[in-house]
Amino acid sequence: MDVHRLPDIAEKVRRLILEIACRSRSAHVGSSLSCVDILTTLYFHAMKIDKNDWKNRDIFVLSKAHAAMALYSTLACKGIISMKKLSGYMQNDGTLPAHLDRFTSPGIEVSAGSLGHGFNIAIGMAHGYKLKRDGRRVFALIGDGESEEGSIWEGAMFASKLKLDNLTVIMDRNDLQGYGRPSELCHFEPMEDKWKAFGWKALRVDGHSFTELKGALKGGEKGKPKVIIAETTKGKGVPFMEDEMKWHYFIVTDELREEAMRHLCKY
């Protein structure tokens, strides 16, 4: 897809997130908004996703599964799940839970929620495809706060040992987690050097630049998994939510939804 069409799709995804967040009175709006441009680039440019050839699709794993609204809304824009199913997000007798359950819908490849687990499931899937000589690629999105989990680094060592060059991991580096900034809570940087020391090809991009994301998702290095550190802003697209830790938890009221939608018109 032409990269110039991606911003319009991303805006639609953000609008859907705000709608279902308001209807459900659910948290994690900021975490969902920060990764929209990454998911839009993946699903509408980088990944092989064809509903008519579903068994040969590329695989995406959302390891930071508290941002489920972003994935659900992206899948709805892609036509993989219906708008009716999306409207049942976090409703009584509804269709989609707050954290991912792979039995709820096509496109939800992994049940996730405990941070650090989805990443390692993605490693296992990539290893399985390599063993079967299956050409499908595996993509996973992790959070920067999630990267404080020891399981991330155990998996990182194992993935490079297995030479999983069919695996691409994107870190949503919005520098805000539930109780502060990862950069202040842990000795975080230099992140690229850490991943390189674990045997990965590592690069850093603007996580809201479709051009940079598109370039970073191309190709790779034979015998090495790849990690893309995507610099993002929590709550991206809605100025009063941007880089505000409270939007890890705050809910979207009807009034805030209207205000947020007005801001998105200018985004």
Protein backbone atom coordinates (compact mmCIF):
# COMPACT_ATOMS: atom_id res chain seq x y z
CA MET A 1 0.00 0.00 0.00
CA ASP A 2 1.11 3.56 -0.74
CA VAL A 3 2.67 4.97 2.44
CA HIS A 4 0.67 8.18 1.94
CA ARG A 5 -2.57 6.30 2.74
CA LEU A 6 -1.35 5.01 6.09
CA PRO A 7 -2.06 8.19 8.14
CA ASP A 8 -5.76 8.08 7.17
CA ILE A 9 -6.00 4.44 8.24
CA ALA A 10 -4.20 5.20 11.51
CA GLU A 11 -6.65 8.01 12.25
CA LYS A 12 -9.56 5.63 11.69
CA VAL A 13 -7.96 3.12 14.06
CA ARG A 14 -7.54 5.81 16.71
CA ARG A 15 -11.19 6.83 16.35
CA LEU A 16 -12.29 3.24 16.85
CA ILE A 17 -10.11 2.94 19.95
CA LEU A 18 -11.71 6.04 21.46
CA GLU A 19 -15.21 4.77 20.63
CA ILE A 20 -14.80 1.36 22.22
CA ALA A 21 -12.84 2.78 25.16
CA CYS A 22 -15.68 5.19 25.87
CA ARG A 23 -18.39 2.54 25.48
CA SER A 24 -16.60 0.08 27.77
CA ARG A 25 -15.15 2.61 30.23
CA SER A 26 -11.89 0.69 30.00
CA ALA A 27 -8.29 1.66 30.74
CA HIS A 28 -5.10 1.44 28.66
CA VAL A 29 -6.13 4.08 26.11
CA GLY A 30 -2.70 5.75 26.11
CA SER A 31 -0.92 2.42 25.62
CA SER A 32 -3.20 1.62 22.68
CA LEU A 33 -2.81 4.99 20.96
CA SER A 34 1.00 4.89 21.13
CA CYS A 35 1.31 1.78 18.94
CA VAL A 36 -1.33 2.54 16.29
CA ASP A 37 1.16 3.73 13.65
CA ILE A 38 3.25 0.60 14.17
CA LEU A 39 0.24 -1.70 13.75
CA THR A 40 -1.02 0.25 10.74
CA THR A 41 2.35 -0.12 9.00
CA LEU A 42 2.50 -3.81 9.82
CA TYR A 43 -1.01 -4.75 8.70
CA PHE A 44 -1.36 -2.44 5.72
CA HIS A 45 2.18 -2.57 4.36
CA ALA A 46 4.69 -5.03 5.82
CA MET A 47 2.85 -8.24 6.63
CA LYS A 48 1.48 -10.82 4.25
CA ILE A 49 -2.19 -10.97 5.29
CA ASP A 50 -4.74 -12.34 2.81
CA LYS A 51 -8.14 -13.54 4.03
CA ASN A 52 -8.29 -15.78 0.94
CA ASP A 53 -4.96 -17.41 1.81
CA TRP A 54 -5.23 -17.33 5.59
CA LYS A 55 -3.12 -20.42 6.31
CA ASN A 56 -0.06 -18.78 4.75
CA ARG A 57 -0.39 -15.46 6.59
CA ASP A 58 2.43 -13.82 8.50
CA ILE A 59 1.94 -13.94 12.26
CA PHE A 60 1.64 -11.00 14.64
CA VAL A 61 1.85 -11.37 18.42
CA LEU A 62 0.87 -8.48 20.69
CA SER A 63 2.94 -9.19 23.78
CA LYS A 64 1.94 -5.90 25.46
CA ALA A 65 -1.59 -7.25 25.42
CA HIS A 66 -3.07 -4.49 27.58
CA ALA A 67 -3.08 -2.52 24.31
CA ALA A 68 -5.63 -4.98 22.90
CA MET A 69 -7.93 -2.15 21.75
CA ALA A 70 -5.28 -1.13 19.21
CA LEU A 71 -5.07 -4.62 17.73
CA TYR A 72 -8.84 -5.13 17.68
CA SER A 73 -9.38 -1.80 15.93
CA THR A 74 -6.63 -2.51 13.39
CA LEU A 75 -8.12 -5.92 12.62
CA ALA A 76 -11.54 -4.28 12.15
CA CYS A 77 -10.08 -1.74 9.69
CA LYS A 78 -8.38 -4.62 7.86
CA GLY A 79 -11.71 -6.48 7.64
CA ILE A 80 -10.48 -9.46 9.65
CA ILE A 81 -13.04 -8.90 12.39
CA SER A 82 -16.42 -7.23 11.96
CA MET A 83 -17.41 -3.86 13.35
CA LYS A 84 -20.21 -5.67 15.17
CA LYS A 85 -17.69 -7.87 16.96
CA LEU A 86 -15.58 -4.81 17.76
CA SER A 87 -18.58 -3.10 19.36
CA GLY A 88 -18.84 -6.00 21.81
CA TYR A 89 -15.47 -5.17 23.37
CA MET A 90 -15.66 -5.47 27.17
CA GLN A 91 -19.46 -5.67 27.27
CA ASN A 92 -21.55 -8.05 29.34
CA ASP A 93 -22.00 -11.19 27.20
CA GLY A 94 -19.72 -9.41 24.73
CA THR A 95 -17.25 -10.56 22.11
CA LEU A 96 -13.74 -9.32 22.95
CA PRO A 97 -11.96 -9.22 26.35
CA ALA A 98 -9.68 -6.52 27.75
CA HIS A 99 -6.65 -8.78 27.24
CA LEU A 100 -6.20 -11.07 24.28
CA ASP A 101 -7.83 -14.49 24.05
CA ARG A 102 -6.94 -16.41 20.91
CA PHE A 103 -10.25 -18.26 20.90
CA THR A 104 -12.29 -15.06 20.43
CA SER A 105 -11.45 -14.15 16.87
CA PRO A 106 -9.29 -14.78 13.80
CA GLY A 107 -6.20 -12.59 13.92
CA ILE A 108 -5.71 -13.07 17.66
CA GLU A 109 -2.83 -15.51 17.44
CA VAL A 110 -1.91 -15.72 21.12
CA SER A 111 -3.67 -15.35 24.48
CA ALA A 112 -1.57 -12.80 26.34
CA GLY A 113 -1.58 -10.46 29.28
CA SER A 114 1.27 -11.48 31.56
CA LEU A 115 4.10 -9.32 30.28
CA GLY A 116 7.09 -11.07 28.75
CA HIS A 117 5.13 -14.16 27.72
CA GLY A 118 3.87 -13.25 24.24
CA PHE A 119 7.41 -12.41 23.15
CA ASN A 120 8.61 -15.91 23.98
CA ILE A 121 5.59 -17.54 22.34
CA ALA A 122 6.51 -15.60 19.18
CA ILE A 123 10.04 -17.02 19.41
CA GLY A 124 8.61 -20.53 19.62
CA MET A 125 6.38 -19.93 16.60
CA ALA A 126 9.27 -18.54 14.55
CA HIS A 127 11.41 -21.55 15.50
CA GLY A 128 8.61 -23.92 14.47
CA TYR A 129 8.27 -22.31 11.06
CA LYS A 130 12.04 -22.53 10.53
CA LEU A 131 12.02 -26.22 11.39
CA LYS A 132 9.18 -26.84 8.92
CA ARG A 133 10.86 -24.68 6.25
CA ASP A 134 7.72 -22.55 6.24
CA GLY A 135 8.41 -19.11 4.75
CA ARG A 136 6.03 -17.23 7.03
CA ARG A 137 7.42 -14.43 9.16
CA VAL A 138 6.62 -13.67 12.79
CA PHE A 139 6.29 -10.15 14.17
CA ALA A 140 5.87 -9.26 17.85
CA LEU A 141 5.23 -5.98 19.64
CA ILE A 142 6.62 -5.53 23.14
CA GLY A 143 6.54 -2.59 25.54
CA ASP A 144 9.55 -0.82 26.99
CA GLY A 145 8.25 -1.38 30.52
CA GLU A 146 7.74 -5.01 29.57
CA SER A 147 11.43 -5.16 28.69
CA GLU A 148 12.24 -4.98 32.39
CA GLU A 149 11.00 -8.59 32.61
CA GLY A 150 13.78 -11.15 32.79
CA SER A 151 11.88 -13.44 30.44
CA ILE A 152 12.45 -10.94 27.61
CA TRP A 153 16.20 -11.29 27.90
CA GLU A 154 16.11 -15.06 28.34
CA GLY A 155 14.13 -15.25 25.11
CA ALA A 156 16.44 -12.77 23.39
CA MET A 157 19.43 -15.03 24.07
CA PHE A 158 17.59 -18.09 22.82
CA ALA A 159 16.27 -16.44 19.64
CA SER A 160 19.75 -15.44 18.52
CA LYS A 161 21.06 -18.91 19.34
CA LEU A 162 18.36 -20.32 17.04
CA LYS A 163 19.27 -17.79 14.30
CA LEU A 164 15.65 -16.73 13.89
CA ASP A 165 15.98 -14.35 10.96
CA ASN A 166 12.23 -14.83 10.33
CA LEU A 167 11.45 -12.95 13.58
CA THR A 168 11.03 -9.17 13.89
CA VAL A 169 10.28 -7.58 17.26
CA ILE A 170 9.16 -3.98 17.65
CA MET A 171 9.52 -2.21 20.99
CA ASP A 172 6.89 0.46 21.67
CA ARG A 173 9.32 2.86 23.37
CA ASN A 174 6.85 5.39 24.80
CA ASP A 175 8.82 5.71 28.07
CA LEU A 176 5.75 5.45 30.29
CA GLN A 177 4.52 2.43 32.21
CA GLY A 178 1.97 2.00 34.97
CA TYR A 179 3.98 3.67 37.74
CA GLY A 180 6.59 5.82 36.06
CA ARG A 181 9.12 5.99 33.25
CA PRO A 182 11.14 2.88 32.40
CA SER A 183 14.16 5.10 31.79
CA GLU A 184 13.95 6.25 35.43
CA LEU A 185 12.97 2.95 37.04
CA CYS A 186 15.68 0.77 35.49
CA HIS A 187 19.08 1.22 33.88
CA PHE A 188 17.49 1.18 30.48
CA GLU A 189 19.78 2.57 27.81
CA PRO A 190 21.75 1.97 25.63
CA MET A 191 18.96 -0.28 24.36
CA GLU A 192 20.33 -0.90 20.87
CA ASP A 193 23.69 -1.99 22.28
CA LYS A 194 21.98 -4.38 24.70
CA TRP A 195 20.07 -6.14 21.91
CA LYS A 196 23.16 -6.25 19.69
CA ALA A 197 25.11 -7.82 22.56
CA PHE A 198 22.42 -10.53 22.67
CA GLY A 199 23.03 -11.28 18.98
CA TRP A 200 20.22 -9.28 17.36
CA LYS A 201 20.17 -6.82 14.51
CA ALA A 202 18.95 -3.65 16.25
CA LEU A 203 17.85 -0.26 14.95
CA ARG A 204 15.93 2.73 16.28
CA VAL A 205 13.25 4.72 14.45
CA ASP A 206 10.55 7.31 14.95
CA GLY A 207 7.58 5.09 15.78
CA HIS A 208 5.16 7.63 14.30
CA SER A 209 6.98 7.97 10.96
CA PHE A 210 5.45 5.62 8.43
CA THR A 211 8.44 6.12 6.15
CA GLU A 212 10.93 5.13 8.86
CA LEU A 213 8.82 2.19 10.02
CA LYS A 214 8.38 0.98 6.45
CA GLY A 215 12.14 1.09 5.88
CA ALA A 216 12.98 -0.62 9.17
CA LEU A 217 10.55 -3.48 8.53
CA LYS A 218 12.23 -4.31 5.20
CA GLY A 219 14.66 -7.16 4.94
CA GLY A 220 16.98 -8.19 7.73
CA GLU A 221 20.28 -9.93 8.34
CA LYS A 222 20.73 -13.61 7.60
CA GLY A 223 20.92 -15.68 10.76
CA LYS A 224 19.83 -12.88 13.11
CA PRO A 225 16.48 -11.88 14.59
CA LYS A 226 15.70 -8.17 14.32
CA VAL A 227 14.47 -5.66 16.88
CA ILE A 228 13.15 -2.21 16.00
CA ILE A 229 13.14 0.27 18.87
CA ALA A 230 10.27 2.57 17.93
CA GLU A 231 10.30 5.91 19.75
CA THR A 232 6.64 6.72 20.42
CA THR A 233 4.43 8.97 22.53
CA LYS A 234 1.88 7.50 24.90
CA GLY A 235 -1.57 8.78 23.91
CA LYS A 236 -0.37 9.85 20.46
CA GLY A 237 -2.90 11.85 18.46
CA VAL A 238 -4.82 13.34 21.38
CA PRO A 239 -2.82 16.26 22.86
CA PHE A 240 -4.31 16.13 26.35
CA MET A 241 -3.44 12.42 26.56
CA GLU A 242 0.06 12.61 25.10
CA ASP A 243 2.94 11.66 27.43
CA GLU A 244 0.61 11.55 30.43
CA MET A 245 1.02 8.55 32.73
CA LYS A 246 -2.57 8.85 33.99
CA TRP A 247 -3.82 7.66 30.59
CA HIS A 248 -2.47 4.24 31.43
CA TYR A 249 -5.56 4.04 33.66
CA PHE A 250 -8.02 6.91 33.07
CA ILE A 251 -11.31 6.21 31.31
CA VAL A 252 -12.81 8.08 28.36
CA THR A 253 -16.08 9.75 29.29
CA ASP A 254 -18.55 10.95 26.66
CA GLU A 255 -17.25 14.51 27.04
CA LEU A 256 -13.60 13.45 26.73
CA ARG A 257 -14.41 11.33 23.70
CA GLU A 258 -15.92 14.35 21.93
CA GLU A 259 -12.92 16.50 22.81
CA ALA A 260 -10.48 13.79 21.68
CA MET A 261 -12.30 13.36 18.36
CA ARG A 262 -12.00 17.09 17.67
CA HIS A 263 -8.26 16.92 18.22
CA LEU A 264 -7.92 13.92 15.90
CA CYS A 265 -9.34 16.01 13.06
CA LYS A 266 -6.16 18.09 13.26
CA TYR A 267 -3.78 15.15 13.69
